[in-house]
Amino acid sequence: MTLYNRLLKEKNRLGKIVPRSPKTNQELLDTGRWERGTKILTRRYEYGIDTLLDDMRREDHLDEIRDIERMRT
């Protein structure tokens, strides 16, 4: 199993149990793991970059979006 698949599996697993406002130590740890996995997927594999760009469009950042060139691999 590749690193990408393991990160995706962990992100999906934690995404079902992580609360929006953690209160216990375990919830804080789970939230941290979910955020770290999401950050790695976004920065290294451009996972979810399309939704990020859509959010920017909704915020009227059209000039910035036109300047962004995605690397195609």
C-alpha atoms as a PDB file:
ATOM      1  CA  MET A   1       0.000   0.000   0.000  1.00  0.00           C
ATOM      2  CA  THR A   2       1.445   3.366  -0.992  1.00  0.00           C
ATOM      3  CA  LEU A   3       1.832   6.354   1.294  1.00  0.00           C
ATOM      4  CA  TYR A   4      -0.898   8.188  -0.604  1.00  0.00           C
ATOM      5  CA  ASN A   5      -3.382   5.360  -0.067  1.00  0.00           C
ATOM      6  CA  ARG A   6      -2.534   5.092   3.637  1.00  0.00           C
ATOM      7  CA  LEU A   7      -2.947   8.852   4.127  1.00  0.00           C
ATOM      8  CA  LEU A   8      -6.246   8.837   2.276  1.00  0.00           C
ATOM      9  CA  LYS A   9      -7.515   5.888   4.308  1.00  0.00           C
ATOM     10  CA  GLU A  10      -6.497   7.535   7.604  1.00  0.00           C
ATOM     11  CA  LYS A  11      -8.040  10.881   6.610  1.00  0.00           C
ATOM     12  CA  ASN A  12     -11.324   9.217   5.697  1.00  0.00           C
ATOM     13  CA  ARG A  13     -11.365   7.147   8.900  1.00  0.00           C
ATOM     14  CA  LEU A  14     -10.666  10.130  11.135  1.00  0.00           C
ATOM     15  CA  GLY A  15     -13.007  12.383   9.163  1.00  0.00           C
ATOM     16  CA  LYS A  16     -15.935  10.341  10.446  1.00  0.00           C
ATOM     17  CA  ILE A  17     -15.043  10.686  14.140  1.00  0.00           C
ATOM     18  CA  VAL A  18     -13.342  14.091  14.481  1.00  0.00           C
ATOM     19  CA  PRO A  19     -15.640  16.690  16.084  1.00  0.00           C
ATOM     20  CA  ARG A  20     -15.665  20.339  15.054  1.00  0.00           C
ATOM     21  CA  SER A  21     -14.884  21.493  18.566  1.00  0.00           C
ATOM     22  CA  PRO A  22     -12.779  18.887  20.402  1.00  0.00           C
ATOM     23  CA  LYS A  23     -13.133  18.751  24.180  1.00  0.00           C
ATOM     24  CA  THR A  24     -11.119  15.764  25.358  1.00  0.00           C
ATOM     25  CA  ASN A  25      -7.451  14.975  24.890  1.00  0.00           C
ATOM     26  CA  GLN A  26      -8.219  12.076  22.540  1.00  0.00           C
ATOM     27  CA  GLU A  27     -10.412  14.319  20.387  1.00  0.00           C
ATOM     28  CA  LEU A  28      -7.577  16.864  20.211  1.00  0.00           C
ATOM     29  CA  LEU A  29      -5.123  14.151  19.145  1.00  0.00           C
ATOM     30  CA  ASP A  30      -7.527  12.836  16.494  1.00  0.00           C
ATOM     31  CA  THR A  31      -8.117  16.357  15.185  1.00  0.00           C
ATOM     32  CA  GLY A  32      -4.351  16.944  14.950  1.00  0.00           C
ATOM     33  CA  ARG A  33      -3.831  13.697  13.031  1.00  0.00           C
ATOM     34  CA  TRP A  34      -6.674  14.533  10.638  1.00  0.00           C
ATOM     35  CA  GLU A  35      -5.290  18.043  10.008  1.00  0.00           C
ATOM     36  CA  ARG A  36      -1.782  16.711   9.431  1.00  0.00           C
ATOM     37  CA  GLY A  37      -2.974  14.073   6.984  1.00  0.00           C
ATOM     38  CA  THR A  38      -5.047  16.626   5.106  1.00  0.00           C
ATOM     39  CA  LYS A  39      -2.138  19.059   4.960  1.00  0.00           C
ATOM     40  CA  ILE A  40       0.237  16.401   3.585  1.00  0.00           C
ATOM     41  CA  LEU A  41      -2.305  15.273   0.995  1.00  0.00           C
ATOM     42  CA  THR A  42      -2.923  18.848  -0.115  1.00  0.00           C
ATOM     43  CA  ARG A  43       0.688  19.980  -0.300  1.00  0.00           C
ATOM     44  CA  ARG A  44       2.332  16.828  -1.633  1.00  0.00           C
ATOM     45  CA  TYR A  45      -0.375  15.323  -3.824  1.00  0.00           C
ATOM     46  CA  GLU A  46      -2.607  18.370  -4.547  1.00  0.00           C
ATOM     47  CA  TYR A  47      -5.516  16.402  -3.067  1.00  0.00           C
ATOM     48  CA  GLY A  48      -8.608  18.597  -2.912  1.00  0.00           C
ATOM     49  CA  ILE A  49      -6.953  21.484  -4.751  1.00  0.00           C
ATOM     50  CA  ASP A  50     -10.009  21.858  -6.987  1.00  0.00           C
ATOM     51  CA  THR A  51     -12.319  22.446  -4.034  1.00  0.00           C
ATOM     52  CA  LEU A  52      -9.821  24.940  -2.631  1.00  0.00           C
ATOM     53  CA  LEU A  53      -9.835  26.840  -5.913  1.00  0.00           C
ATOM     54  CA  ASP A  54     -13.646  26.743  -5.995  1.00  0.00           C
ATOM     55  CA  ASP A  55     -13.727  28.261  -2.512  1.00  0.00           C
ATOM     56  CA  MET A  56     -11.421  31.016  -3.708  1.00  0.00           C
ATOM     57  CA  ARG A  57     -13.734  31.694  -6.650  1.00  0.00           C
ATOM     58  CA  ARG A  58     -16.655  32.061  -4.288  1.00  0.00           C
ATOM     59  CA  GLU A  59     -14.683  34.619  -2.325  1.00  0.00           C
ATOM     60  CA  ASP A  60     -14.190  36.746  -5.455  1.00  0.00           C
ATOM     61  CA  HIS A  61     -10.476  36.060  -5.820  1.00  0.00           C
ATOM     62  CA  LEU A  62     -10.722  35.556  -9.572  1.00  0.00           C
ATOM     63  CA  ASP A  63      -7.521  37.487 -10.303  1.00  0.00           C
ATOM     64  CA  GLU A  64      -5.468  35.192  -8.069  1.00  0.00           C
ATOM     65  CA  ILE A  65      -6.990  32.048  -9.559  1.00  0.00           C
ATOM     66  CA  ARG A  66      -6.076  33.061 -13.105  1.00  0.00           C
ATOM     67  CA  ASP A  67      -2.432  33.349 -12.056  1.00  0.00           C
ATOM     68  CA  ILE A  68      -2.267  29.902 -10.478  1.00  0.00           C
ATOM     69  CA  GLU A  69      -0.779  27.263 -12.730  1.00  0.00           C
ATOM     70  CA  ARG A  70      -1.240  23.720 -11.584  1.00  0.00           C
ATOM     71  CA  MET A  71       1.507  21.255 -12.250  1.00  0.00           C
ATOM     72  CA  ARG A  72       0.194  18.239 -14.102  1.00  0.00           C
ATOM     73  CA  THR A  73       1.954  14.975 -13.386  1.00  0.00           C
END
